Amino acid sequence: MPAADPEERREQLTAAPKADPGDAAPRVEVTEADEEVTRIDVADSAAVRPGKPGPRRGE
């Protein structure tokens, strides 16, 4: 699957009324070693990361 055009992606992710330019920041890093191996990592700069959530506010 070809990667989305970066400009179209940014435009789509910032089109909402309360959108912030940071909403279009890359969240994953993709590395292709060869045709059969693709590694996908969460970017260090991602605001939200997968895993066990911390305590909720007010708890």
Protein backbone atom coordinates (compact mmCIF):
# COMPACT_ATOMS: atom_id res chain seq x y z
CA MET A 1 0.00 0.00 0.00
CA PRO A 2 1.55 3.34 -0.97
CA ALA A 3 2.04 5.94 1.74
CA ALA A 4 -0.48 8.77 1.84
CA ASP A 5 0.57 12.10 0.41
CA PRO A 6 1.95 14.06 3.41
CA GLU A 7 0.15 17.26 2.41
CA GLU A 8 -3.21 15.46 2.01
CA ARG A 9 -2.69 13.75 5.37
CA ARG A 10 -1.91 17.05 7.12
CA GLU A 11 -4.89 18.74 5.51
CA GLN A 12 -7.23 15.92 6.53
CA LEU A 13 -5.98 15.78 10.14
CA THR A 14 -6.21 19.55 10.67
CA ALA A 15 -9.61 20.09 9.00
CA ALA A 16 -11.69 19.68 12.18
CA PRO A 17 -12.79 22.91 13.93
CA LYS A 18 -10.70 22.26 17.08
CA ALA A 19 -7.76 20.64 15.28
CA ASP A 20 -4.24 21.63 16.16
CA PRO A 21 -1.24 21.46 13.77
CA GLY A 22 0.26 18.92 16.19
CA ASP A 23 -2.56 16.54 15.28
CA ALA A 24 -0.79 15.92 11.98
CA ALA A 25 2.55 15.02 13.59
CA PRO A 26 3.85 11.56 12.68
CA ARG A 27 3.02 8.95 15.32
CA VAL A 28 4.88 5.95 13.90
CA GLU A 29 8.21 5.25 12.26
CA VAL A 30 8.27 2.64 9.48
CA THR A 31 11.46 0.86 8.48
CA GLU A 32 11.50 -1.56 5.54
CA ALA A 33 14.46 -3.96 5.63
CA ASP A 34 13.38 -5.77 2.46
CA GLU A 35 10.16 -6.66 0.64
CA GLU A 36 9.06 -9.09 3.35
CA VAL A 37 10.15 -7.29 6.53
CA THR A 38 8.57 -4.06 7.73
CA ARG A 39 9.12 -2.71 11.25
CA ILE A 40 6.65 -0.22 12.71
CA ASP A 41 7.58 1.62 15.92
CA VAL A 42 5.73 4.29 17.86
CA ALA A 43 7.61 7.54 17.34
CA ASP A 44 9.43 8.95 20.38
CA SER A 45 7.66 12.24 19.68
CA ALA A 46 4.14 10.70 19.77
CA ALA A 47 1.96 12.45 22.33
CA VAL A 48 0.06 9.26 23.13
CA ARG A 49 1.77 5.89 23.44
CA PRO A 50 0.28 2.40 23.67
CA GLY A 51 0.45 0.53 26.93
CA LYS A 52 -1.10 0.53 30.35
CA PRO A 53 -2.68 3.92 31.04
CA GLY A 54 -1.69 5.80 34.15
CA PRO A 55 -4.12 6.89 36.85
CA ARG A 56 -7.01 9.09 35.79
CA ARG A 57 -7.07 12.71 36.83
CA GLY A 58 -8.60 13.18 40.24
CA GLU A 59 -7.84 9.62 41.39
